[in-house]
């Protein structure tokens, strides 16, 4: 079953209710992953007048989750096994966009890459890599 951007957004909002309040959404399903959006919210600002690291980490993780399901179908029990993030430059006080792509799809794990941008800028503000653990067959 192919999941649309709207399907993925609904699954994530249903399974992780806090994501609905954040406005997180999957904007587009792409051949090797997804493009996601996290709307700007002044509560995301940290001292120094920039968006907080946890805000970007949350977006990266949610985008990876969406990319796994975009590739494999509704697989809600896939879980984060590893997340590594590098903050490269100060993000603008604007919506954040994350492009997550599947690098390797194995039998039990998926390795992913995420680039995070401020809306309106081509510059990558954070780069994350991660691994998702897949549930054993029959335990989806």
Protein backbone atom coordinates (compact mmCIF):
# COMPACT_ATOMS: atom_id res chain seq x y z
CA UNK A 1 0.00 0.00 0.00
CA UNK A 2 1.39 3.37 -1.01
CA UNK A 3 0.97 6.04 1.64
CA UNK A 4 0.41 9.67 0.65
CA UNK A 5 1.78 12.69 2.49
CA UNK A 6 -1.66 13.17 4.09
CA UNK A 7 -1.78 9.49 5.16
CA UNK A 8 1.67 9.73 6.77
CA UNK A 9 0.79 12.95 8.58
CA UNK A 10 -2.42 11.38 9.94
CA UNK A 11 -0.61 8.20 11.11
CA UNK A 12 2.06 10.21 12.92
CA UNK A 13 -0.47 12.57 14.52
CA UNK A 14 -2.58 9.60 15.65
CA UNK A 15 0.37 7.69 17.10
CA UNK A 16 2.22 10.69 18.56
CA UNK A 17 -0.52 13.12 19.66
CA UNK A 18 1.98 15.88 20.57
CA UNK A 19 2.87 16.17 16.88
CA UNK A 20 -0.57 17.57 16.07
CA UNK A 21 -0.07 20.56 18.35
CA UNK A 22 3.29 21.26 16.70
CA UNK A 23 1.79 21.49 13.23
CA UNK A 24 4.25 18.89 11.91
CA UNK A 25 3.26 17.56 8.51
CA UNK A 26 4.61 15.50 5.67
CA UNK A 27 4.47 17.76 2.63
CA UNK A 28 5.63 15.41 -0.06
CA UNK A 29 6.51 11.77 -0.62
CA UNK A 30 9.58 11.55 -2.85
CA UNK A 31 11.16 8.58 -4.66
CA UNK A 32 13.68 7.90 -1.87
CA UNK A 33 12.03 9.60 1.12
CA UNK A 34 9.91 12.53 2.27
CA UNK A 35 9.83 16.29 2.69
CA UNK A 36 8.40 17.41 6.05
CA UNK A 37 7.55 20.78 7.61
CA UNK A 38 7.58 22.03 11.17
CA UNK A 39 5.91 25.46 11.40
CA UNK A 40 7.72 28.17 13.31
CA UNK A 41 6.54 28.71 16.86
CA UNK A 42 8.05 31.33 19.20
CA UNK A 43 8.14 28.67 21.95
CA UNK A 44 10.90 26.91 19.96
CA UNK A 45 13.32 29.82 20.49
CA UNK A 46 16.19 29.31 22.90
CA UNK A 47 18.47 31.86 24.55
CA UNK A 48 20.49 33.60 21.88
CA UNK A 49 17.46 34.06 19.64
CA UNK A 50 17.74 30.86 17.63
CA UNK A 51 15.63 27.73 17.27
CA UNK A 52 16.44 25.08 19.84
CA UNK A 53 18.36 21.92 19.10
CA UNK A 54 15.56 19.70 20.46
CA UNK A 55 13.20 21.30 17.93
CA UNK A 56 15.45 20.26 15.06
CA UNK A 57 16.07 16.82 16.57
CA UNK A 58 12.32 16.23 16.85
CA UNK A 59 11.82 17.21 13.23
CA UNK A 60 14.66 14.94 12.08
CA UNK A 61 13.26 11.95 13.99
CA UNK A 62 9.69 12.49 12.75
CA UNK A 63 10.93 12.87 9.17
CA UNK A 64 12.88 9.60 9.45
CA UNK A 65 9.78 7.83 10.80
CA UNK A 66 7.74 9.17 7.87
CA UNK A 67 10.42 8.08 5.38
CA UNK A 68 10.41 4.53 6.77
CA UNK A 69 6.64 4.28 6.43
CA UNK A 70 6.66 5.92 2.99
CA UNK A 71 8.99 3.13 1.86
CA UNK A 72 7.51 0.18 3.78
CA UNK A 73 3.86 1.04 4.41
CA UNK A 74 2.11 1.51 7.72
CA UNK A 75 4.71 0.21 10.15
CA UNK A 76 4.01 2.05 13.38
CA UNK A 77 6.21 -0.17 15.55
CA UNK A 78 9.38 0.90 13.75
CA UNK A 79 11.44 2.71 16.38
CA UNK A 80 14.46 5.00 16.51
CA UNK A 81 17.61 3.01 17.21
CA UNK A 82 20.11 5.80 16.69
CA UNK A 83 20.02 9.53 15.91
CA UNK A 84 23.08 11.67 15.29
CA UNK A 85 22.74 15.36 14.45
CA UNK A 86 25.15 18.11 13.49
CA UNK A 87 24.03 21.72 13.84
CA UNK A 88 25.71 23.54 10.97
CA UNK A 89 24.42 27.11 11.07
CA UNK A 90 21.87 29.25 12.85
CA UNK A 91 18.38 28.60 11.48
CA UNK A 92 16.12 31.52 10.61
CA UNK A 93 13.09 32.17 12.79
CA UNK A 94 10.91 30.51 10.15
CA UNK A 95 9.35 27.16 9.33
CA UNK A 96 11.82 24.30 9.18
CA UNK A 97 11.84 21.82 6.30
CA UNK A 98 13.39 18.38 6.52
CA UNK A 99 14.22 16.14 3.59
CA UNK A 100 14.67 12.57 4.84
CA UNK A 101 15.92 9.82 2.57
CA UNK A 102 16.52 6.12 2.96
CA UNK A 103 20.17 5.22 2.48
CA UNK A 104 19.90 1.49 3.18
CA UNK A 105 16.92 -0.76 3.77
CA UNK A 106 17.85 -3.96 5.56
CA UNK A 107 15.82 -6.82 6.98
CA UNK A 108 15.84 -5.40 10.52
CA UNK A 109 17.11 -1.82 10.19
CA UNK A 110 16.81 1.22 7.96
CA UNK A 111 19.62 3.78 7.71
CA UNK A 112 18.48 7.32 6.92
CA UNK A 113 19.82 10.77 6.12
CA UNK A 114 18.06 14.07 6.94
CA UNK A 115 18.88 17.58 5.83
CA UNK A 116 17.09 20.43 7.62
CA UNK A 117 16.60 23.87 6.04
CA UNK A 118 14.96 27.13 7.06
CA UNK A 119 12.10 27.92 4.69
CA UNK A 120 13.28 30.25 1.95
CA UNK A 121 16.95 29.30 2.20
CA UNK A 122 18.89 26.57 0.38
CA UNK A 123 21.45 26.35 3.21
CA UNK A 124 21.41 23.21 5.35
CA UNK A 125 21.09 24.28 9.00
CA UNK A 126 21.36 20.76 10.45
CA UNK A 127 22.28 17.33 9.16
CA UNK A 128 21.15 14.14 10.85
CA UNK A 129 21.71 10.48 10.27
CA UNK A 130 19.80 7.76 11.99
CA UNK A 131 18.85 4.13 12.15
CA UNK A 132 15.36 2.78 12.62
CA UNK A 133 14.75 -0.70 13.96
CA UNK A 134 12.01 -2.66 12.20
CA UNK A 135 9.67 -4.97 14.12
CA UNK A 136 10.02 -8.71 13.55
CA UNK A 137 7.73 -10.07 10.83
CA UNK A 138 4.21 -10.55 12.09
CA UNK A 139 4.60 -7.94 14.86
CA UNK A 140 3.81 -4.79 12.87
